[in-house]
Amino acid sequence: YRQAPGKQRELVAAITSGGDTNYADSVRGRFTISRDNAKNTVYL
């Protein structure tokens, strides 16, 4: 998620445990979310 000054916090990208992803329209095609379950780590 991201929050700019004076603005609401908004979802940028999400990923399920199985790797299904969802993106805000404004970032789709430019941002990529991924995860490494063995490391309990998510990347953007």
ModelCIF file with pLDDT and N, C-alpha, C, O atoms, coordinates in Angstrom:
data_MODEL
#
_entry.id   MODEL 
#
_entity.id                         1 
_entity.type                       polymer 
_entity.pdbx_number_of_molecules   1 
#
_entity_poly.entity_id                      1 
_entity_poly.type                           'polypeptide(L)' 
_entity_poly.nstd_linkage                   no 
_entity_poly.nstd_monomer                   no 
_entity_poly.pdbx_seq_one_letter_code       YRQAPGKQRELVAAITSGGDTNYADSVRGRFTISRDNAKNTVYL 
_entity_poly.pdbx_seq_one_letter_code_can   YRQAPGKQRELVAAITSGGDTNYADSVRGRFTISRDNAKNTVYL 
_entity_poly.pdbx_strand_id                 A 
#
loop_
_entity_poly_seq.entity_id 
_entity_poly_seq.num 
_entity_poly_seq.mon_id 
_entity_poly_seq.hetero 
1 1  TYR n 
1 2  ARG n 
1 3  GLN n 
1 4  ALA n 
1 5  PRO n 
1 6  GLY n 
1 7  LYS n 
1 8  GLN n 
1 9  ARG n 
1 10 GLU n 
1 11 LEU n 
1 12 VAL n 
1 13 ALA n 
1 14 ALA n 
1 15 ILE n 
1 16 THR n 
1 17 SER n 
1 18 GLY n 
1 19 GLY n 
1 20 ASP n 
1 21 THR n 
1 22 ASN n 
1 23 TYR n 
1 24 ALA n 
1 25 ASP n 
1 26 SER n 
1 27 VAL n 
1 28 ARG n 
1 29 GLY n 
1 30 ARG n 
1 31 PHE n 
1 32 THR n 
1 33 ILE n 
1 34 SER n 
1 35 ARG n 
1 36 ASP n 
1 37 ASN n 
1 38 ALA n 
1 39 LYS n 
1 40 ASN n 
1 41 THR n 
1 42 VAL n 
1 43 TYR n 
1 44 LEU n 
#
_struct_asym.id          A 
_struct_asym.entity_id   1 
#
loop_
_ma_qa_metric.id 
_ma_qa_metric.mode 
_ma_qa_metric.name 
_ma_qa_metric.software_group_id 
_ma_qa_metric.type 
1 global pLDDT . pLDDT 
2 local  pLDDT . pLDDT 
#
_ma_qa_metric_global.metric_id      1 
_ma_qa_metric_global.metric_value   96.70 
_ma_qa_metric_global.model_id       1 
_ma_qa_metric_global.ordinal_id     1 
#
loop_
_ma_qa_metric_local.label_asym_id 
_ma_qa_metric_local.label_comp_id 
_ma_qa_metric_local.label_seq_id 
_ma_qa_metric_local.metric_id 
_ma_qa_metric_local.metric_value 
_ma_qa_metric_local.model_id 
_ma_qa_metric_local.ordinal_id 
A TYR 1  2 98.00 1 1  
A ARG 2  2 98.00 1 2  
A GLN 3  2 98.00 1 3  
A ALA 4  2 96.00 1 4  
A PRO 5  2 91.00 1 5  
A GLY 6  2 93.00 1 6  
A LYS 7  2 96.00 1 7  
A GLN 8  2 96.00 1 8  
A ARG 9  2 97.00 1 9  
A GLU 10 2 98.00 1 10 
A LEU 11 2 98.00 1 11 
A VAL 12 2 98.00 1 12 
A ALA 13 2 98.00 1 13 
A ALA 14 2 98.00 1 14 
A ILE 15 2 98.00 1 15 
A THR 16 2 97.00 1 16 
A SER 17 2 93.00 1 17 
A GLY 18 2 93.00 1 18 
A GLY 19 2 95.00 1 19 
A ASP 20 2 97.00 1 20 
A THR 21 2 98.00 1 21 
A ASN 22 2 98.00 1 22 
A TYR 23 2 98.00 1 23 
A ALA 24 2 98.00 1 24 
A ASP 25 2 98.00 1 25 
A SER 26 2 98.00 1 26 
A VAL 27 2 98.00 1 27 
A ARG 28 2 98.00 1 28 
A GLY 29 2 98.00 1 29 
A ARG 30 2 98.00 1 30 
A PHE 31 2 98.00 1 31 
A THR 32 2 98.00 1 32 
A ILE 33 2 98.00 1 33 
A SER 34 2 98.00 1 34 
A ARG 35 2 97.00 1 35 
A ASP 36 2 95.00 1 36 
A ASN 37 2 93.00 1 37 
A ALA 38 2 93.00 1 38 
A LYS 39 2 95.00 1 39 
A ASN 40 2 95.00 1 40 
A THR 41 2 96.00 1 41 
A VAL 42 2 97.00 1 42 
A TYR 43 2 98.00 1 43 
A LEU 44 2 98.00 1 44 
#
loop_
_atom_site.group_PDB 
_atom_site.id 
_atom_site.type_symbol 
_atom_site.label_atom_id 
_atom_site.label_alt_id 
_atom_site.label_comp_id 
_atom_site.label_asym_id 
_atom_site.label_entity_id 
_atom_site.label_seq_id 
_atom_site.pdbx_PDB_ins_code 
_atom_site.Cartn_x 
_atom_site.Cartn_y 
_atom_site.Cartn_z 
_atom_site.occupancy 
_atom_site.B_iso_or_equiv 
_atom_site.pdbx_formal_charge 
_atom_site.auth_seq_id 
_atom_site.auth_comp_id 
_atom_site.auth_asym_id 
_atom_site.auth_atom_id 
_atom_site.pdbx_PDB_model_num 
ATOM 1   N N  . TYR A 1 1  ? 0.847  -1.177  0.000   1.00 98.00 ? 1  TYR A N  1 
ATOM 2   C CA . TYR A 1 1  ? 0.000  0.000   0.000   1.00 98.00 ? 1  TYR A CA 1 
ATOM 3   C C  . TYR A 1 1  ? 0.888  1.234   0.000   1.00 98.00 ? 1  TYR A C  1 
ATOM 4   O O  . TYR A 1 1  ? 2.067  1.162   0.346   1.00 98.00 ? 1  TYR A O  1 
ATOM 5   N N  . ARG A 1 2  ? 0.320  2.357   -0.387  1.00 98.00 ? 2  ARG A N  1 
ATOM 6   C CA . ARG A 1 2  ? 1.062  3.601   -0.305  1.00 98.00 ? 2  ARG A CA 1 
ATOM 7   C C  . ARG A 1 2  ? 0.147  4.717   0.169   1.00 98.00 ? 2  ARG A C  1 
ATOM 8   O O  . ARG A 1 2  ? -1.067 4.685   -0.034  1.00 98.00 ? 2  ARG A O  1 
ATOM 9   N N  . GLN A 1 3  ? 0.756  5.694   0.802   1.00 98.00 ? 3  GLN A N  1 
ATOM 10  C CA . GLN A 1 3  ? 0.019  6.845   1.304   1.00 98.00 ? 3  GLN A CA 1 
ATOM 11  C C  . GLN A 1 3  ? 0.861  8.095   1.111   1.00 98.00 ? 3  GLN A C  1 
ATOM 12  O O  . GLN A 1 3  ? 1.950  8.225   1.669   1.00 98.00 ? 3  GLN A O  1 
ATOM 13  N N  . ALA A 1 4  ? 0.339  9.004   0.317   1.00 96.00 ? 4  ALA A N  1 
ATOM 14  C CA . ALA A 1 4  ? 0.965  10.292  0.118   1.00 96.00 ? 4  ALA A CA 1 
ATOM 15  C C  . ALA A 1 4  ? 0.368  11.292  1.101   1.00 96.00 ? 4  ALA A C  1 
ATOM 16  O O  . ALA A 1 4  ? -0.749 11.089  1.578   1.00 96.00 ? 4  ALA A O  1 
ATOM 17  N N  . PRO A 1 5  ? 1.090  12.370  1.415   1.00 91.00 ? 5  PRO A N  1 
ATOM 18  C CA . PRO A 1 5  ? 0.555  13.366  2.345   1.00 91.00 ? 5  PRO A CA 1 
ATOM 19  C C  . PRO A 1 5  ? -0.797 13.904  1.894   1.00 91.00 ? 5  PRO A C  1 
ATOM 20  O O  . PRO A 1 5  ? -0.966 14.293  0.738   1.00 91.00 ? 5  PRO A O  1 
ATOM 21  N N  . GLY A 1 6  ? -1.754 13.923  2.810   1.00 93.00 ? 6  GLY A N  1 
ATOM 22  C CA . GLY A 1 6  ? -3.074 14.431  2.509   1.00 93.00 ? 6  GLY A CA 1 
ATOM 23  C C  . GLY A 1 6  ? -3.958 13.490  1.726   1.00 93.00 ? 6  GLY A C  1 
ATOM 24  O O  . GLY A 1 6  ? -5.067 13.864  1.346   1.00 93.00 ? 6  GLY A O  1 
ATOM 25  N N  . LYS A 1 7  ? -3.498 12.280  1.474   1.00 96.00 ? 7  LYS A N  1 
ATOM 26  C CA . LYS A 1 7  ? -4.274 11.328  0.694   1.00 96.00 ? 7  LYS A CA 1 
ATOM 27  C C  . LYS A 1 7  ? -4.547 10.063  1.498   1.00 96.00 ? 7  LYS A C  1 
ATOM 28  O O  . LYS A 1 7  ? -3.878 9.776   2.491   1.00 96.00 ? 7  LYS A O  1 
ATOM 29  N N  . GLN A 1 8  ? -5.542 9.322   1.045   1.00 96.00 ? 8  GLN A N  1 
ATOM 30  C CA . GLN A 1 8  ? -5.870 8.049   1.665   1.00 96.00 ? 8  GLN A CA 1 
ATOM 31  C C  . GLN A 1 8  ? -4.837 6.988   1.294   1.00 96.00 ? 8  GLN A C  1 
ATOM 32  O O  . GLN A 1 8  ? -4.224 7.037   0.228   1.00 96.00 ? 8  GLN A O  1 
ATOM 33  N N  . ARG A 1 9  ? -4.666 6.046   2.185   1.00 97.00 ? 9  ARG A N  1 
ATOM 34  C CA . ARG A 1 9  ? -3.827 4.912   1.868   1.00 97.00 ? 9  ARG A CA 1 
ATOM 35  C C  . ARG A 1 9  ? -4.524 4.050   0.811   1.00 97.00 ? 9  ARG A C  1 
ATOM 36  O O  . ARG A 1 9  ? -5.717 3.764   0.915   1.00 97.00 ? 9  ARG A O  1 
ATOM 37  N N  . GLU A 1 10 ? -3.772 3.649   -0.192  1.00 98.00 ? 10 GLU A N  1 
ATOM 38  C CA . GLU A 1 10 ? -4.350 2.899   -1.289  1.00 98.00 ? 10 GLU A CA 1 
ATOM 39  C C  . GLU A 1 10 ? -3.563 1.630   -1.554  1.00 98.00 ? 10 GLU A C  1 
ATOM 40  O O  . GLU A 1 10 ? -2.351 1.570   -1.349  1.00 98.00 ? 10 GLU A O  1 
ATOM 41  N N  . LEU A 1 11 ? -4.274 0.630   -2.010  1.00 98.00 ? 11 LEU A N  1 
ATOM 42  C CA . LEU A 1 11 ? -3.642 -0.621  -2.405  1.00 98.00 ? 11 LEU A CA 1 
ATOM 43  C C  . LEU A 1 11 ? -2.898 -0.425  -3.711  1.00 98.00 ? 11 LEU A C  1 
ATOM 44  O O  . LEU A 1 11 ? -3.441 0.116   -4.674  1.00 98.00 ? 11 LEU A O  1 
ATOM 45  N N  . VAL A 1 12 ? -1.661 -0.865  -3.736  1.00 98.00 ? 12 VAL A N  1 
ATOM 46  C CA . VAL A 1 12 ? -0.845 -0.818  -4.943  1.00 98.00 ? 12 VAL A CA 1 
ATOM 47  C C  . VAL A 1 12 ? -0.851 -2.168  -5.645  1.00 98.00 ? 12 VAL A C  1 
ATOM 48  O O  . VAL A 1 12 ? -1.118 -2.251  -6.844  1.00 98.00 ? 12 VAL A O  1 
ATOM 49  N N  . ALA A 1 13 ? -0.560 -3.212  -4.900  1.00 98.00 ? 13 ALA A N  1 
ATOM 50  C CA . ALA A 1 13 ? -0.509 -4.553  -5.454  1.00 98.00 ? 13 ALA A CA 1 
ATOM 51  C C  . ALA A 1 13 ? -0.669 -5.561  -4.333  1.00 98.00 ? 13 ALA A C  1 
ATOM 52  O O  . ALA A 1 13 ? -0.306 -5.295  -3.187  1.00 98.00 ? 13 ALA A O  1 
ATOM 53  N N  . ALA A 1 14 ? -1.209 -6.709  -4.667  1.00 98.00 ? 14 ALA A N  1 
ATOM 54  C CA . ALA A 1 14 ? -1.384 -7.784  -3.704  1.00 98.00 ? 14 ALA A CA 1 
ATOM 55  C C  . ALA A 1 14 ? -1.084 -9.111  -4.370  1.00 98.00 ? 14 ALA A C  1 
ATOM 56  O O  . ALA A 1 14 ? -1.179 -9.253  -5.589  1.00 98.00 ? 14 ALA A O  1 
ATOM 57  N N  . ILE A 1 15 ? -0.722 -10.078 -3.546  1.00 98.00 ? 15 ILE A N  1 
ATOM 58  C CA . ILE A 1 15 ? -0.402 -11.400 -4.058  1.00 98.00 ? 15 ILE A CA 1 
ATOM 59  C C  . ILE A 1 15 ? -0.842 -12.443 -3.050  1.00 98.00 ? 15 ILE A C  1 
ATOM 60  O O  . ILE A 1 15 ? -0.598 -12.299 -1.852  1.00 98.00 ? 15 ILE A O  1 
ATOM 61  N N  . THR A 1 16 ? -1.487 -13.488 -3.530  1.00 97.00 ? 16 THR A N  1 
ATOM 62  C CA . THR A 1 16 ? -1.926 -14.567 -2.665  1.00 97.00 ? 16 THR A CA 1 
ATOM 63  C C  . THR A 1 16 ? -0.777 -15.517 -2.387  1.00 97.00 ? 16 THR A C  1 
ATOM 64  O O  . THR A 1 16 ? 0.290  -15.423 -2.992  1.00 97.00 ? 16 THR A O  1 
ATOM 65  N N  . SER A 1 17 ? -1.013 -16.430 -1.466  1.00 93.00 ? 17 SER A N  1 
ATOM 66  C CA . SER A 1 17 ? 0.017  -17.408 -1.146  1.00 93.00 ? 17 SER A CA 1 
ATOM 67  C C  . SER A 1 17 ? 0.363  -18.284 -2.342  1.00 93.00 ? 17 SER A C  1 
ATOM 68  O O  . SER A 1 17 ? 1.476  -18.801 -2.438  1.00 93.00 ? 17 SER A O  1 
ATOM 69  N N  . GLY A 1 18 ? -0.591 -18.450 -3.252  1.00 93.00 ? 18 GLY A N  1 
ATOM 70  C CA . GLY A 1 18 ? -0.359 -19.239 -4.444  1.00 93.00 ? 18 GLY A CA 1 
ATOM 71  C C  . GLY A 1 18 ? 0.217  -18.482 -5.615  1.00 93.00 ? 18 GLY A C  1 
ATOM 72  O O  . GLY A 1 18 ? 0.516  -19.076 -6.651  1.00 93.00 ? 18 GLY A O  1 
ATOM 73  N N  . GLY A 1 19 ? 0.381  -17.164 -5.469  1.00 95.00 ? 19 GLY A N  1 
ATOM 74  C CA . GLY A 1 19 ? 1.005  -16.377 -6.510  1.00 95.00 ? 19 GLY A CA 1 
ATOM 75  C C  . GLY A 1 19 ? 0.061  -15.599 -7.406  1.00 95.00 ? 19 GLY A C  1 
ATOM 76  O O  . GLY A 1 19 ? 0.514  -14.947 -8.346  1.00 95.00 ? 19 GLY A O  1 
ATOM 77  N N  . ASP A 1 20 ? -1.240 -15.647 -7.143  1.00 97.00 ? 20 ASP A N  1 
ATOM 78  C CA . ASP A 1 20 ? -2.166 -14.820 -7.906  1.00 97.00 ? 20 ASP A CA 1 
ATOM 79  C C  . ASP A 1 20 ? -1.994 -13.359 -7.506  1.00 97.00 ? 20 ASP A C  1 
ATOM 80  O O  . ASP A 1 20 ? -1.847 -13.048 -6.324  1.00 97.00 ? 20 ASP A O  1 
ATOM 81  N N  . THR A 1 21 ? -2.012 -12.473 -8.483  1.00 98.00 ? 21 THR A N  1 
ATOM 82  C CA . THR A 1 21 ? -1.710 -11.067 -8.241  1.00 98.00 ? 21 THR A CA 1 
ATOM 83  C C  . THR A 1 21 ? -2.870 -10.159 -8.603  1.00 98.00 ? 21 THR A C  1 
ATOM 84  O O  . THR A 1 21 ? -3.740 -10.513 -9.399  1.00 98.00 ? 21 THR A O  1 
ATOM 85  N N  . ASN A 1 22 ? -2.860 -8.983  -7.999  1.00 98.00 ? 22 ASN A N  1 
ATOM 86  C CA . ASN A 1 22 ? -3.822 -7.940  -8.297  1.00 98.00 ? 22 ASN A CA 1 
ATOM 87  C C  . ASN A 1 22 ? -3.106 -6.603  -8.196  1.00 98.00 ? 22 ASN A C  1 
ATOM 88  O O  . ASN A 1 22 ? -2.291 -6.399  -7.296  1.00 98.00 ? 22 ASN A O  1 
ATOM 89  N N  . TYR A 1 23 ? -3.407 -5.690  -9.117  1.00 98.00 ? 23 TYR A N  1 
ATOM 90  C CA . TYR A 1 23 ? -2.735 -4.405  -9.187  1.00 98.00 ? 23 TYR A CA 1 
ATOM 91  C C  . TYR A 1 23 ? -3.736 -3.274  -9.279  1.00 98.00 ? 23 TYR A C  1 
ATOM 92  O O  . TYR A 1 23 ? -4.815 -3.418  -9.855  1.00 98.00 ? 23 TYR A O  1 
ATOM 93  N N  . ALA A 1 24 ? -3.360 -2.147  -8.703  1.00 98.00 ? 24 ALA A N  1 
ATOM 94  C CA . ALA A 1 24 ? -4.094 -0.929  -8.975  1.00 98.00 ? 24 ALA A CA 1 
ATOM 95  C C  . ALA A 1 24 ? -3.981 -0.591  -10.459 1.00 98.00 ? 24 ALA A C  1 
ATOM 96  O O  . ALA A 1 24 ? -2.944 -0.824  -11.082 1.00 98.00 ? 24 ALA A O  1 
ATOM 97  N N  . ASP A 1 25 ? -5.051 -0.044  -11.013 1.00 98.00 ? 25 ASP A N  1 
ATOM 98  C CA . ASP A 1 25 ? -5.038 0.281   -12.433 1.00 98.00 ? 25 ASP A CA 1 
ATOM 99  C C  . ASP A 1 25 ? -3.881 1.203   -12.801 1.00 98.00 ? 25 ASP A C  1 
ATOM 100 O O  . ASP A 1 25 ? -3.324 1.105   -13.895 1.00 98.00 ? 25 ASP A O  1 
ATOM 101 N N  . SER A 1 26 ? -3.526 2.090   -11.894 1.00 98.00 ? 26 SER A N  1 
ATOM 102 C CA . SER A 1 26 ? -2.509 3.086   -12.194 1.00 98.00 ? 26 SER A CA 1 
ATOM 103 C C  . SER A 1 26 ? -1.104 2.504   -12.307 1.00 98.00 ? 26 SER A C  1 
ATOM 104 O O  . SER A 1 26 ? -0.215 3.142   -12.872 1.00 98.00 ? 26 SER A O  1 
ATOM 105 N N  . VAL A 1 27 ? -0.895 1.299   -11.776 1.00 98.00 ? 27 VAL A N  1 
ATOM 106 C CA . VAL A 1 27 ? 0.447  0.721   -11.785 1.00 98.00 ? 27 VAL A CA 1 
ATOM 107 C C  . VAL A 1 27 ? 0.552  -0.535  -12.627 1.00 98.00 ? 27 VAL A C  1 
ATOM 108 O O  . VAL A 1 27 ? 1.654  -1.027  -12.870 1.00 98.00 ? 27 VAL A O  1 
ATOM 109 N N  . ARG A 1 28 ? -0.565 -1.053  -13.071 1.00 98.00 ? 28 ARG A N  1 
ATOM 110 C CA . ARG A 1 28 ? -0.552 -2.290  -13.847 1.00 98.00 ? 28 ARG A CA 1 
ATOM 111 C C  . ARG A 1 28 ? 0.291  -2.116  -15.108 1.00 98.00 ? 28 ARG A C  1 
ATOM 112 O O  . ARG A 1 28 ? 0.125  -1.151  -15.854 1.00 98.00 ? 28 ARG A O  1 
ATOM 113 N N  . GLY A 1 29 ? 1.180  -3.050  -15.330 1.00 98.00 ? 29 GLY A N  1 
ATOM 114 C CA . GLY A 1 29 ? 2.083  -2.981  -16.463 1.00 98.00 ? 29 GLY A CA 1 
ATOM 115 C C  . GLY A 1 29 ? 3.422  -2.371  -16.147 1.00 98.00 ? 29 GLY A C  1 
ATOM 116 O O  . GLY A 1 29 ? 4.382  -2.560  -16.894 1.00 98.00 ? 29 GLY A O  1 
ATOM 117 N N  . ARG A 1 30 ? 3.508  -1.631  -15.038 1.00 98.00 ? 30 ARG A N  1 
ATOM 118 C CA . ARG A 1 30 ? 4.769  -1.016  -14.636 1.00 98.00 ? 30 ARG A CA 1 
ATOM 119 C C  . ARG A 1 30 ? 5.345  -1.633  -13.372 1.00 98.00 ? 30 ARG A C  1 
ATOM 120 O O  . ARG A 1 30 ? 6.564  -1.703  -13.213 1.00 98.00 ? 30 ARG A O  1 
ATOM 121 N N  . PHE A 1 31 ? 4.478  -2.081  -12.473 1.00 98.00 ? 31 PHE A N  1 
ATOM 122 C CA . PHE A 1 31 ? 4.905  -2.681  -11.212 1.00 98.00 ? 31 PHE A CA 1 
ATOM 123 C C  . PHE A 1 31 ? 4.698  -4.184  -11.268 1.00 98.00 ? 31 PHE A C  1 
ATOM 124 O O  . PHE A 1 31 ? 3.789  -4.674  -11.939 1.00 98.00 ? 31 PHE A O  1 
ATOM 125 N N  . THR A 1 32 ? 5.544  -4.905  -10.562 1.00 98.00 ? 32 THR A N  1 
ATOM 126 C CA . THR A 1 32 ? 5.420  -6.346  -10.458 1.00 98.00 ? 32 THR A CA 1 
ATOM 127 C C  . THR A 1 32 ? 5.587  -6.770  -9.010  1.00 98.00 ? 32 THR A C  1 
ATOM 128 O O  . THR A 1 32 ? 6.602  -6.471  -8.381  1.00 98.00 ? 32 THR A O  1 
ATOM 129 N N  . ILE A 1 33 ? 4.592  -7.465  -8.483  1.00 98.00 ? 33 ILE A N  1 
ATOM 130 C CA . ILE A 1 33 ? 4.679  -8.010  -7.140  1.00 98.00 ? 33 ILE A CA 1 
ATOM 131 C C  . ILE A 1 33 ? 5.012  -9.493  -7.239  1.00 98.00 ? 33 ILE A C  1 
ATOM 132 O O  . ILE A 1 33 ? 4.513  -10.198 -8.116  1.00 98.00 ? 33 ILE A O  1 
ATOM 133 N N  . SER A 1 34 ? 5.850  -9.949  -6.342  1.00 98.00 ? 34 SER A N  1 
ATOM 134 C CA . SER A 1 34 ? 6.229  -11.349 -6.310  1.00 98.00 ? 34 SER A CA 1 
ATOM 135 C C  . SER A 1 34 ? 6.525  -11.739 -4.867  1.00 98.00 ? 34 SER A C  1 
ATOM 136 O O  . SER A 1 34 ? 6.626  -10.880 -3.992  1.00 98.00 ? 34 SER A O  1 
ATOM 137 N N  . ARG A 1 35 ? 6.662  -13.031 -4.628  1.00 97.00 ? 35 ARG A N  1 
ATOM 138 C CA . ARG A 1 35 ? 6.961  -13.480 -3.271  1.00 97.00 ? 35 ARG A CA 1 
ATOM 139 C C  . ARG A 1 35 ? 7.820  -14.720 -3.306  1.00 97.00 ? 35 ARG A C  1 
ATOM 140 O O  . ARG A 1 35 ? 7.801  -15.491 -4.266  1.00 97.00 ? 35 ARG A O  1 
ATOM 141 N N  . ASP A 1 36 ? 8.565  -14.893 -2.252  1.00 95.00 ? 36 ASP A N  1 
ATOM 142 C CA . ASP A 1 36 ? 9.372  -16.080 -2.027  1.00 95.00 ? 36 ASP A CA 1 
ATOM 143 C C  . ASP A 1 36 ? 8.863  -16.692 -0.729  1.00 95.00 ? 36 ASP A C  1 
ATOM 144 O O  . ASP A 1 36 ? 9.213  -16.235 0.359   1.00 95.00 ? 36 ASP A O  1 
ATOM 145 N N  . ASN A 1 37 ? 8.047  -17.715 -0.846  1.00 93.00 ? 37 ASN A N  1 
ATOM 146 C CA . ASN A 1 37 ? 7.418  -18.292 0.335   1.00 93.00 ? 37 ASN A CA 1 
ATOM 147 C C  . ASN A 1 37 ? 8.435  -18.916 1.290   1.00 93.00 ? 37 ASN A C  1 
ATOM 148 O O  . ASN A 1 37 ? 8.229  -18.914 2.504   1.00 93.00 ? 37 ASN A O  1 
ATOM 149 N N  . ALA A 1 38 ? 9.516  -19.441 0.755   1.00 93.00 ? 38 ALA A N  1 
ATOM 150 C CA . ALA A 1 38 ? 10.540 -20.031 1.603   1.00 93.00 ? 38 ALA A CA 1 
ATOM 151 C C  . ALA A 1 38 ? 11.209 -18.991 2.486   1.00 93.00 ? 38 ALA A C  1 
ATOM 152 O O  . ALA A 1 38 ? 11.705 -19.320 3.564   1.00 93.00 ? 38 ALA A O  1 
ATOM 153 N N  . LYS A 1 39 ? 11.228 -17.741 2.043   1.00 95.00 ? 39 LYS A N  1 
ATOM 154 C CA . LYS A 1 39 ? 11.848 -16.659 2.793   1.00 95.00 ? 39 LYS A CA 1 
ATOM 155 C C  . LYS A 1 39 ? 10.834 -15.754 3.485   1.00 95.00 ? 39 LYS A C  1 
ATOM 156 O O  . LYS A 1 39 ? 11.219 -14.784 4.138   1.00 95.00 ? 39 LYS A O  1 
ATOM 157 N N  . ASN A 1 40 ? 9.547  -16.057 3.351   1.00 95.00 ? 40 ASN A N  1 
ATOM 158 C CA . ASN A 1 40 ? 8.487  -15.209 3.903   1.00 95.00 ? 40 ASN A CA 1 
ATOM 159 C C  . ASN A 1 40 ? 8.666  -13.754 3.466   1.00 95.00 ? 40 ASN A C  1 
ATOM 160 O O  . ASN A 1 40 ? 8.530  -12.831 4.268   1.00 95.00 ? 40 ASN A O  1 
ATOM 161 N N  . THR A 1 41 ? 8.967  -13.573 2.213   1.00 96.00 ? 41 THR A N  1 
ATOM 162 C CA . THR A 1 41 ? 9.307  -12.260 1.697   1.00 96.00 ? 41 THR A CA 1 
ATOM 163 C C  . THR A 1 41 ? 8.470  -11.932 0.466   1.00 96.00 ? 41 THR A C  1 
ATOM 164 O O  . THR A 1 41 ? 8.244  -12.785 -0.392  1.00 96.00 ? 41 THR A O  1 
ATOM 165 N N  . VAL A 1 42 ? 8.019  -10.693 0.393   1.00 97.00 ? 42 VAL A N  1 
ATOM 166 C CA . VAL A 1 42 ? 7.307  -10.187 -0.761  1.00 97.00 ? 42 VAL A CA 1 
ATOM 167 C C  . VAL A 1 42 ? 8.102  -9.027  -1.344  1.00 97.00 ? 42 VAL A C  1 
ATOM 168 O O  . VAL A 1 42 ? 8.742  -8.267  -0.616  1.00 97.00 ? 42 VAL A O  1 
ATOM 169 N N  . TYR A 1 43 ? 8.054  -8.902  -2.658  1.00 98.00 ? 43 TYR A N  1 
ATOM 170 C CA . TYR A 1 43 ? 8.798  -7.878  -3.364  1.00 98.00 ? 43 TYR A CA 1 
ATOM 171 C C  . TYR A 1 43 ? 7.853  -7.032  -4.209  1.00 98.00 ? 43 TYR A C  1 
ATOM 172 O O  . TYR A 1 43 ? 6.777  -7.481  -4.605  1.00 98.00 ? 43 TYR A O  1 
ATOM 173 N N  . LEU A 1 44 ? 8.268  -5.820  -4.472  1.00 98.00 ? 44 LEU A N  1 
ATOM 174 C CA . LEU A 1 44 ? 7.560  -4.963  -5.403  1.00 98.00 ? 44 LEU A CA 1 
ATOM 175 C C  . LEU A 1 44 ? 8.581  -4.276  -6.295  1.00 98.00 ? 44 LEU A C  1 
ATOM 176 O O  . LEU A 1 44 ? 8.209  -3.494  -7.169  1.00 98.00 ? 44 LEU A O  1 
#
